[in-house]
Amino acid sequence: MASRDAAAADEVAVELLPFIRLYRSGRVERLIGNDTLPASHDAATGVASKDVTIDPDTNVSVRLYLPAAVGAGDKLPVVVYFHGGGFMVESAASVSYHRYLNALAARARAVAVSVEYRRAPEHPLPAAYDDSWAALAWAVAACGAAAPGGGAEPWLAAHGDASRVFLAGDSAGANIAHSVAMRAAGDGVLLPRAAIRGMLLVHPFFWDASNTMGAALEERIRQEWRVMTGNPDARVDDPRLSPASSAAAAPSLARLATERVMVAVAGEDFLAPKGRAYHAALVASGWRGEAELVENPGEGHVFHLQRPATAAAAGLMDRVAAFVASA
């Protein structure tokens, strides 16, 4: 009997390839994004990195990146970055993200704050949104002052410029960046102390209820969203997943708390139509900022992370670095 129960507990309950398997016992098996690199000095770029825990209660942390040859009085833009991975896999320490943030900090001459948020399904949404908001608030407070919890964070205190903050992310991380920017619009504490000068959404994970992408894919996204939220009744017209929705519950994109937005889409990415729709909806919303759409024909989802040495990846990095440097 005991062996039969053990075997049943080890049966797969949900499989979302290529991300995770959930077992009836509650065990979670992550199938990708498990390889990591420690914070260090990067010889190729000269960028230094370190990990800082910002909330011991939740164990939320950030990985900070400081470019080389920063003078004692130099103030740099602050890029708060949210990694992708479907809210379920990858981390700030993942090999691809560590390498990308080293390159981004060096090219953009910015202090980068890569957020290690809690992941679903153990911590369903809105945990990742709340952790990412907490990381932004911590970073802003740390620029030139003591961070919440006691003690000044020296890199941000000395070199972070709270008047030049950027939110950035890819895939699910781009979804988080949008959510954080919308939350900032209604916050009376953060914005008086900081200016979110721009938002970078690379291959954003957005969806809608249009049912235009084929039955199998539409059902797959619905299943993923139910796992991400921990809610078997979760709907894909949820404004967090479908910010361009015309649903009455969706907050107006006109409230977006930033001056500039760059949306990057890849031509072979099934999410590209949703990214284009977000850009179009933002432009039509009455938002008074500047929105730019960058397209990479023939490329797939997060190609810049998977093949960073290609000309297309280098070109996208040029656009990202220029976007930050222009503030």
Protein backbone atom coordinates (compact mmCIF):
# COMPACT_ATOMS: atom_id res chain seq x y z
CA MET A 1 0.00 0.00 0.00
CA ALA A 2 2.80 2.40 0.95
CA SER A 3 4.68 1.69 -2.26
CA ARG A 4 1.51 2.25 -4.27
CA ASP A 5 0.94 5.62 -2.56
CA ALA A 6 4.55 6.60 -3.19
CA ALA A 7 4.26 5.71 -6.85
CA ALA A 8 1.04 7.72 -7.16
CA ALA A 9 2.67 10.72 -5.50
CA ASP A 10 5.47 10.57 -8.05
CA GLU A 11 3.08 10.69 -11.00
CA VAL A 12 3.22 13.77 -13.22
CA ALA A 13 0.22 16.02 -12.62
CA VAL A 14 1.06 18.81 -15.08
CA GLU A 15 3.77 19.01 -17.71
CA LEU A 16 4.54 22.33 -19.37
CA LEU A 17 7.38 21.68 -21.77
CA PRO A 18 10.04 22.94 -21.97
CA PHE A 19 9.62 24.58 -18.57
CA ILE A 20 8.49 22.35 -15.72
CA ARG A 21 6.88 19.16 -14.51
CA LEU A 22 4.59 19.22 -11.50
CA TYR A 23 4.15 15.98 -9.59
CA ARG A 24 1.16 14.93 -7.51
CA SER A 25 3.40 15.03 -4.44
CA GLY A 26 3.90 18.76 -4.99
CA ARG A 27 7.44 18.34 -6.24
CA VAL A 28 8.48 20.76 -8.99
CA GLU A 29 11.03 19.73 -11.60
CA ARG A 30 12.53 22.61 -13.58
CA LEU A 31 13.73 21.37 -16.95
CA ILE A 32 15.65 24.41 -18.20
CA GLY A 33 17.40 27.48 -16.81
CA ASN A 34 19.15 25.66 -13.97
CA ASP A 35 22.76 26.47 -14.89
CA THR A 36 24.06 29.51 -13.02
CA LEU A 37 27.17 31.65 -12.65
CA PRO A 38 28.34 33.37 -9.46
CA ALA A 39 28.62 37.13 -9.13
CA SER A 40 32.18 38.12 -10.01
CA HIS A 41 34.43 40.43 -11.99
CA ASP A 42 33.88 39.87 -15.70
CA ALA A 43 37.20 39.94 -17.51
CA ALA A 44 35.63 40.50 -20.94
CA THR A 45 33.72 43.67 -20.02
CA GLY A 46 35.40 44.82 -16.80
CA VAL A 47 31.99 44.82 -15.10
CA ALA A 48 31.84 43.85 -11.42
CA SER A 49 28.79 42.11 -9.93
CA LYS A 50 27.57 41.13 -6.49
CA ASP A 51 24.45 39.69 -4.88
CA VAL A 52 22.48 41.60 -2.25
CA THR A 53 19.51 40.27 -0.28
CA ILE A 54 16.89 43.00 -0.01
CA ASP A 55 14.26 41.13 2.03
CA PRO A 56 15.40 38.33 4.38
CA ASP A 57 11.78 37.35 5.05
CA THR A 58 11.09 36.45 1.42
CA ASN A 59 14.73 35.85 0.45
CA VAL A 60 14.30 38.24 -2.48
CA SER A 61 17.64 39.47 -3.76
CA VAL A 62 19.21 41.42 -6.59
CA ARG A 63 22.40 41.01 -8.54
CA LEU A 64 24.08 44.38 -9.02
CA TYR A 65 26.37 45.22 -11.95
CA LEU A 66 28.82 48.14 -11.96
CA PRO A 67 30.72 49.04 -15.15
CA ALA A 68 34.47 49.54 -15.17
CA ALA A 69 36.32 52.83 -14.66
CA VAL A 70 33.55 54.68 -12.84
CA GLY A 71 34.86 57.87 -11.26
CA ALA A 72 34.28 58.73 -7.61
CA GLY A 73 31.59 61.29 -8.39
CA ASP A 74 30.08 59.67 -11.48
CA LYS A 75 26.32 59.18 -11.47
CA LEU A 76 24.96 56.57 -13.87
CA PRO A 77 21.52 55.50 -15.11
CA VAL A 78 19.94 52.64 -13.15
CA VAL A 79 18.50 49.76 -15.18
CA VAL A 80 16.21 47.52 -13.12
CA TYR A 81 16.04 44.25 -15.04
CA PHE A 82 13.50 41.42 -14.73
CA HIS A 83 14.52 38.07 -16.21
CA GLY A 84 12.22 35.93 -18.31
CA GLY A 85 11.34 32.27 -18.03
CA GLY A 86 7.55 32.15 -17.90
CA PHE A 87 7.54 33.20 -14.23
CA MET A 88 8.63 29.58 -13.58
CA VAL A 89 12.27 29.06 -14.63
CA GLU A 90 15.56 30.95 -15.01
CA SER A 91 17.02 33.33 -12.43
CA ALA A 92 19.16 36.43 -12.12
CA ALA A 93 22.15 34.08 -11.83
CA SER A 94 21.34 32.10 -14.99
CA VAL A 95 24.26 31.89 -17.39
CA SER A 96 22.52 33.74 -20.22
CA TYR A 97 21.24 36.53 -17.96
CA HIS A 98 24.52 37.02 -16.12
CA ARG A 99 26.35 37.39 -19.44
CA TYR A 100 23.69 39.67 -20.87
CA LEU A 101 23.66 41.99 -17.85
CA ASN A 102 27.45 42.23 -17.91
CA ALA A 103 27.25 43.30 -21.55
CA LEU A 104 24.34 45.68 -20.93
CA ALA A 105 26.01 47.43 -17.99
CA ALA A 106 29.19 47.87 -20.01
CA ARG A 107 27.54 49.07 -23.21
CA ALA A 108 24.95 51.36 -21.61
CA ARG A 109 27.32 52.63 -18.88
CA ALA A 110 24.65 51.93 -16.29
CA VAL A 111 24.29 50.35 -12.89
CA ALA A 112 22.13 47.28 -13.49
CA VAL A 113 19.86 45.77 -10.84
CA SER A 114 18.84 42.25 -11.88
CA VAL A 115 15.95 41.03 -9.74
CA GLU A 116 15.79 37.53 -8.24
CA TYR A 117 12.04 37.32 -7.69
CA ARG A 118 10.14 34.32 -6.36
CA ARG A 119 8.88 31.95 -9.01
CA ALA A 120 5.69 30.05 -9.70
CA PRO A 121 4.27 27.54 -9.01
CA GLU A 122 5.63 27.49 -5.44
CA HIS A 123 5.03 31.23 -5.26
CA PRO A 124 2.16 32.03 -7.65
CA LEU A 125 1.54 35.48 -9.01
CA PRO A 126 1.41 38.18 -7.77
CA ALA A 127 4.59 37.18 -5.85
CA ALA A 128 6.90 38.02 -8.77
CA TYR A 129 5.14 41.37 -9.31
CA ASP A 130 5.35 42.27 -5.61
CA ASP A 131 9.00 41.23 -5.34
CA SER A 132 9.91 43.24 -8.43
CA TRP A 133 8.12 46.31 -7.09
CA ALA A 134 9.99 45.91 -3.80
CA ALA A 135 13.28 45.68 -5.70
CA LEU A 136 12.55 48.90 -7.62
CA ALA A 137 11.64 50.73 -4.41
CA TRP A 138 14.79 49.42 -2.73
CA ALA A 139 17.00 50.50 -5.63
CA VAL A 140 15.51 53.99 -5.73
CA ALA A 141 15.92 54.40 -1.96
CA ALA A 142 19.51 53.13 -2.20
CA CYS A 143 20.53 55.79 -4.73
CA GLY A 144 22.36 58.30 -2.59
CA ALA A 145 20.75 57.15 0.67
CA ALA A 146 20.32 54.24 3.02
CA ALA A 147 18.40 51.30 1.62
CA PRO A 148 15.38 50.02 3.56
CA GLY A 149 16.44 47.56 6.24
CA GLY A 150 19.47 49.54 7.31
CA GLY A 151 22.81 50.36 5.75
CA ALA A 152 23.65 52.06 2.50
CA GLU A 153 24.34 49.97 -0.58
CA PRO A 154 27.64 51.55 -1.71
CA TRP A 155 27.41 51.07 -5.49
CA LEU A 156 23.96 52.58 -5.78
CA ALA A 157 24.59 55.20 -3.11
CA ALA A 158 27.70 56.42 -4.89
CA HIS A 159 26.75 55.95 -8.54
CA GLY A 160 23.01 55.38 -8.97
CA ASP A 161 21.03 58.27 -10.43
CA ALA A 162 17.40 58.02 -9.32
CA SER A 163 16.43 60.63 -11.89
CA ARG A 164 17.43 58.20 -14.67
CA VAL A 165 15.73 54.89 -13.89
CA PHE A 166 14.88 52.35 -16.58
CA LEU A 167 12.70 49.26 -16.32
CA ALA A 168 13.67 46.39 -18.61
CA GLY A 169 12.94 42.73 -19.17
CA ASP A 170 12.39 39.99 -21.69
CA SER A 171 9.42 37.65 -22.11
CA ALA A 172 7.79 37.26 -18.67
CA GLY A 173 10.26 39.83 -17.38
CA ALA A 174 8.91 42.34 -19.88
CA ASN A 175 5.44 41.58 -18.57
CA ILE A 176 6.74 42.37 -15.08
CA ALA A 177 8.33 45.63 -16.26
CA HIS A 178 4.95 46.77 -17.61
CA SER A 179 3.20 45.80 -14.37
CA VAL A 180 5.75 47.70 -12.28
CA ALA A 181 5.44 50.80 -14.47
CA MET A 182 1.66 50.74 -14.13
CA ARG A 183 1.92 50.35 -10.37
CA ALA A 184 4.32 53.30 -10.23
CA ALA A 185 1.66 55.48 -11.84
CA GLY A 186 -0.54 55.13 -8.79
CA ASP A 187 2.20 55.38 -6.18
CA GLY A 188 2.63 58.65 -4.33
CA VAL A 189 5.95 57.74 -2.72
CA LEU A 190 8.23 56.33 -5.43
CA LEU A 191 7.82 58.85 -8.24
CA PRO A 192 8.60 61.98 -6.20
CA ARG A 193 11.98 60.38 -5.49
CA ALA A 194 12.67 58.91 -8.92
CA ALA A 195 12.04 59.35 -12.61
CA ILE A 196 11.37 56.28 -14.73
CA ARG A 197 12.86 57.60 -17.93
CA GLY A 198 12.19 54.56 -20.07
CA MET A 199 10.88 51.02 -20.32
CA LEU A 200 12.40 48.27 -22.50
CA LEU A 201 10.11 45.36 -23.36
CA VAL A 202 11.94 42.64 -25.30
CA HIS A 203 9.72 39.90 -26.76
CA PRO A 204 7.06 40.58 -24.11
CA PHE A 205 4.84 37.83 -22.77
CA PHE A 206 1.39 39.29 -23.32
CA TRP A 207 -1.78 37.57 -24.46
CA ASP A 208 -5.44 38.30 -25.03
CA ALA A 209 -8.75 36.54 -25.49
CA SER A 210 -8.84 36.89 -29.29
CA ASN A 211 -8.35 33.14 -29.96
CA THR A 212 -6.40 33.98 -33.10
CA MET A 213 -3.30 31.84 -32.56
CA GLY A 214 -4.75 28.35 -33.03
CA ALA A 215 -6.63 26.17 -30.56
CA ALA A 216 -3.63 24.23 -29.24
CA LEU A 217 -1.55 27.32 -28.53
CA GLU A 218 -4.46 29.19 -27.00
CA GLU A 219 -5.17 26.30 -24.63
CA ARG A 220 -1.47 26.02 -23.78
CA ILE A 221 -1.32 29.69 -22.71
CA ARG A 222 -4.47 29.26 -20.65
CA GLN A 223 -2.96 26.27 -18.87
CA GLU A 224 0.30 28.11 -18.23
CA TRP A 225 -1.55 31.13 -16.83
CA ARG A 226 -3.52 28.92 -14.46
CA VAL A 227 -0.26 27.46 -13.14
CA MET A 228 1.45 30.86 -12.95
CA THR A 229 -1.40 32.33 -10.92
CA GLY A 230 -2.25 29.20 -8.95
CA ASN A 231 -5.86 29.80 -9.96
CA PRO A 232 -7.73 27.10 -11.92
CA ASP A 233 -10.26 29.74 -12.97
CA ALA A 234 -7.71 32.31 -14.17
CA ARG A 235 -8.73 34.12 -17.36
CA VAL A 236 -6.44 35.28 -20.15
CA ASP A 237 -8.20 38.64 -20.27
CA ASP A 238 -6.60 39.39 -16.90
CA PRO A 239 -5.05 42.88 -17.34
CA ARG A 240 -1.71 41.54 -16.08
CA LEU A 241 -1.53 39.18 -19.04
CA SER A 242 -3.60 41.25 -21.45
CA PRO A 243 -2.75 44.91 -20.82
CA ALA A 244 -4.08 45.95 -24.23
CA SER A 245 -7.48 44.47 -23.41
CA SER A 246 -10.55 46.64 -23.80
CA ALA A 247 -12.08 44.98 -20.75
CA ALA A 248 -13.54 47.43 -18.29
CA ALA A 249 -11.20 46.15 -15.54
CA ALA A 250 -8.06 46.92 -17.55
CA PRO A 251 -6.35 50.14 -16.42
CA SER A 252 -5.69 52.65 -19.18
CA LEU A 253 -2.26 52.43 -20.75
CA ALA A 254 -2.34 56.22 -20.82
CA ARG A 255 -1.35 56.09 -17.13
CA LEU A 256 1.97 54.36 -17.87
CA ALA A 257 4.58 55.98 -15.62
CA THR A 258 7.43 56.54 -18.06
CA GLU A 259 8.44 58.92 -20.82
CA ARG A 260 9.64 56.43 -23.43
CA VAL A 261 8.97 52.81 -24.33
CA MET A 262 10.81 50.48 -26.68
CA VAL A 263 9.04 47.25 -27.65
CA ALA A 264 11.21 44.69 -29.44
CA VAL A 265 9.65 41.77 -31.29
CA ALA A 266 11.19 38.86 -33.21
CA GLY A 267 9.57 37.90 -36.50
CA GLU A 268 9.49 34.12 -35.84
CA ASP A 269 8.31 34.49 -32.23
CA PHE A 270 4.68 33.44 -31.68
CA LEU A 271 4.43 36.31 -29.17
CA ALA A 272 5.36 38.93 -31.79
CA PRO A 273 1.73 39.79 -32.71
CA LYS A 274 0.98 40.44 -29.04
CA GLY A 275 3.98 42.74 -28.74
CA ARG A 276 2.89 44.68 -31.80
CA ALA A 277 -0.65 44.90 -30.41
CA TYR A 278 0.69 46.29 -27.13
CA HIS A 279 2.69 48.96 -28.97
CA ALA A 280 -0.34 49.93 -31.07
CA ALA A 281 -2.61 50.06 -28.02
CA LEU A 282 -0.12 52.22 -26.13
CA VAL A 283 0.14 54.69 -29.01
CA ALA A 284 -3.66 54.85 -29.31
CA SER A 285 -4.27 55.19 -25.57
CA GLY A 286 -3.52 58.89 -25.26
CA TRP A 287 -0.27 58.23 -23.41
CA ARG A 288 1.95 61.23 -24.01
CA GLY A 289 5.29 59.48 -24.25
CA GLU A 290 7.38 58.22 -27.15
CA ALA A 291 6.86 54.59 -28.20
CA GLU A 292 9.26 52.76 -30.51
CA LEU A 293 8.75 49.35 -32.13
CA VAL A 294 11.87 47.38 -33.07
CA GLU A 295 11.46 44.33 -35.30
CA ASN A 296 13.97 41.56 -36.01
CA PRO A 297 12.62 39.56 -38.98
CA GLY A 298 13.55 35.91 -39.14
CA GLU A 299 14.56 35.68 -35.48
CA GLY A 300 13.00 33.66 -32.68
CA HIS A 301 12.06 34.29 -29.07
CA VAL A 302 14.95 35.69 -26.97
CA PHE A 303 17.42 35.05 -29.78
CA HIS A 304 19.70 37.69 -28.26
CA LEU A 305 20.17 35.53 -25.16
CA GLN A 306 20.50 32.23 -26.99
CA ARG A 307 22.86 33.48 -29.71
CA PRO A 308 24.50 36.66 -28.36
CA ALA A 309 27.37 36.61 -30.88
CA THR A 310 25.12 37.06 -33.93
CA ALA A 311 24.79 40.30 -35.86
CA ALA A 312 21.10 40.50 -34.97
CA ALA A 313 21.86 40.23 -31.25
CA ALA A 314 24.59 42.86 -31.53
CA GLY A 315 22.21 45.18 -33.35
CA LEU A 316 19.54 44.78 -30.67
CA MET A 317 22.12 45.51 -27.97
CA ASP A 318 23.07 48.67 -29.87
CA ARG A 319 19.44 49.80 -29.77
CA VAL A 320 19.06 48.96 -26.08
CA ALA A 321 22.29 50.70 -25.08
CA ALA A 322 21.41 53.80 -27.12
CA PHE A 323 17.95 53.91 -25.53
CA VAL A 324 19.48 54.02 -22.04
CA ALA A 325 22.34 56.34 -22.98
CA SER A 326 20.01 58.93 -24.48
CA ALA A 327 18.40 59.78 -21.11
